[in-house]
Amino acid sequence: MTSKAIKRLLFVIPPYCMDYYAANAASSALPTFTIPYGILSMEAFLRRHAPAIEVDLLDLNLAASRIAGRSRDLRRDLWAVVRDRLKQPADVVGI
């Protein structure tokens, strides 16, 4: 059995404030509890200590805040963001 080296890693932060975005579509502020410190720390650690691995981050809370004001169906539009991002293959996806 051979192991494949990880070259690309994608962290996905699921949207957990959908009601907030729907209710505050005109606001550009994010609620403070949505900052994903754990994943951001892991991303920074890997960028520093494993530079051969390309690390990418898809924060669906940020995507939701950006499209909430102009979206008629926020869930559908977020799925479109995910589908578009997954067109760029990753060796590992962490959610």
Protein backbone atom coordinates (compact mmCIF):
# COMPACT_ATOMS: atom_id res chain seq x y z
CA MET A 1 0.00 0.00 0.00
CA THR A 2 1.42 3.35 -1.00
CA SER A 3 0.53 6.67 0.51
CA LYS A 4 -0.12 9.67 -1.67
CA ALA A 5 1.44 12.95 -0.62
CA ILE A 6 -1.03 15.68 0.20
CA LYS A 7 -0.50 18.63 -2.12
CA ARG A 8 -3.77 20.54 -1.76
CA LEU A 9 -5.91 20.91 1.35
CA LEU A 10 -9.27 22.63 1.56
CA PHE A 11 -10.89 23.69 4.83
CA VAL A 12 -14.64 24.34 4.58
CA ILE A 13 -16.41 26.31 7.29
CA PRO A 14 -20.13 25.50 7.08
CA PRO A 15 -22.68 28.31 7.36
CA TYR A 16 -24.13 28.27 10.85
CA CYS A 17 -25.77 31.69 10.87
CA MET A 18 -28.23 31.35 7.99
CA ASP A 19 -31.07 33.03 9.90
CA TYR A 20 -28.80 35.96 10.77
CA TYR A 21 -27.86 36.54 7.14
CA ALA A 22 -31.45 36.25 5.96
CA ALA A 23 -32.65 38.74 8.59
CA ASN A 24 -29.74 41.19 8.22
CA ALA A 25 -29.11 41.06 4.48
CA ALA A 26 -28.34 44.79 4.32
CA SER A 27 -25.72 44.60 7.08
CA SER A 28 -22.05 44.08 6.27
CA ALA A 29 -21.18 43.09 9.84
CA LEU A 30 -20.64 39.51 10.89
CA PRO A 31 -21.66 38.30 14.33
CA THR A 32 -18.50 37.90 16.42
CA PHE A 33 -19.16 34.25 17.26
CA THR A 34 -18.66 33.21 13.64
CA ILE A 35 -14.88 33.69 13.62
CA PRO A 36 -13.43 30.17 13.10
CA TYR A 37 -10.32 30.50 15.27
CA GLY A 38 -9.54 26.76 15.25
CA ILE A 39 -9.47 26.37 11.48
CA LEU A 40 -7.69 29.69 11.02
CA SER A 41 -5.02 28.53 13.49
CA MET A 42 -4.58 25.22 11.66
CA GLU A 43 -4.36 27.04 8.33
CA ALA A 44 -1.67 29.42 9.66
CA PHE A 45 0.27 26.52 11.21
CA LEU A 46 0.26 24.52 7.97
CA ARG A 47 1.24 27.53 5.87
CA ARG A 48 4.22 28.10 8.18
CA HIS A 49 5.35 24.51 8.82
CA ALA A 50 4.24 22.68 5.66
CA PRO A 51 4.84 25.12 2.81
CA ALA A 52 4.68 22.31 0.23
CA ILE A 53 0.97 21.89 0.97
CA GLU A 54 -1.34 24.39 -0.71
CA VAL A 55 -3.92 25.34 1.91
CA ASP A 56 -7.23 26.90 0.89
CA LEU A 57 -10.14 28.08 3.01
CA LEU A 58 -13.81 28.29 2.02
CA ASP A 59 -15.77 30.16 4.70
CA LEU A 60 -19.43 29.82 3.79
CA ASN A 61 -20.37 32.34 6.46
CA LEU A 62 -18.40 35.00 4.57
CA ALA A 63 -19.92 33.86 1.30
CA ALA A 64 -23.41 34.07 2.85
CA SER A 65 -22.79 37.58 4.13
CA ARG A 66 -21.60 38.68 0.67
CA ILE A 67 -24.54 37.27 -1.29
CA ALA A 68 -27.38 37.60 1.24
CA GLY A 69 -28.53 41.02 0.06
CA ARG A 70 -28.84 40.05 -3.58
CA SER A 71 -29.92 36.41 -3.26
CA ARG A 72 -33.46 35.13 -3.60
CA ASP A 73 -32.48 31.64 -2.44
CA LEU A 74 -29.47 31.81 -0.13
CA ARG A 75 -29.14 28.03 0.30
CA ARG A 76 -29.13 27.42 -3.46
CA ASP A 77 -26.59 30.17 -4.02
CA LEU A 78 -24.30 28.81 -1.29
CA TRP A 79 -24.43 25.37 -2.91
CA ALA A 80 -23.36 27.05 -6.15
CA VAL A 81 -20.35 28.54 -4.30
CA VAL A 82 -19.43 25.07 -3.01
CA ARG A 83 -19.82 23.46 -6.45
CA ASP A 84 -17.67 26.15 -8.06
CA ARG A 85 -14.94 25.74 -5.45
CA LEU A 86 -14.92 21.93 -5.74
CA LYS A 87 -14.11 22.23 -9.44
CA GLN A 88 -10.57 22.87 -8.20
CA PRO A 89 -9.64 19.43 -6.83
CA ALA A 90 -8.18 19.02 -3.36
CA ASP A 91 -6.44 15.95 -1.94
CA VAL A 92 -8.10 16.45 1.44
CA VAL A 93 -11.24 18.39 2.37
CA GLY A 94 -11.81 19.17 6.04
CA ILE A 95 -15.17 20.40 7.28
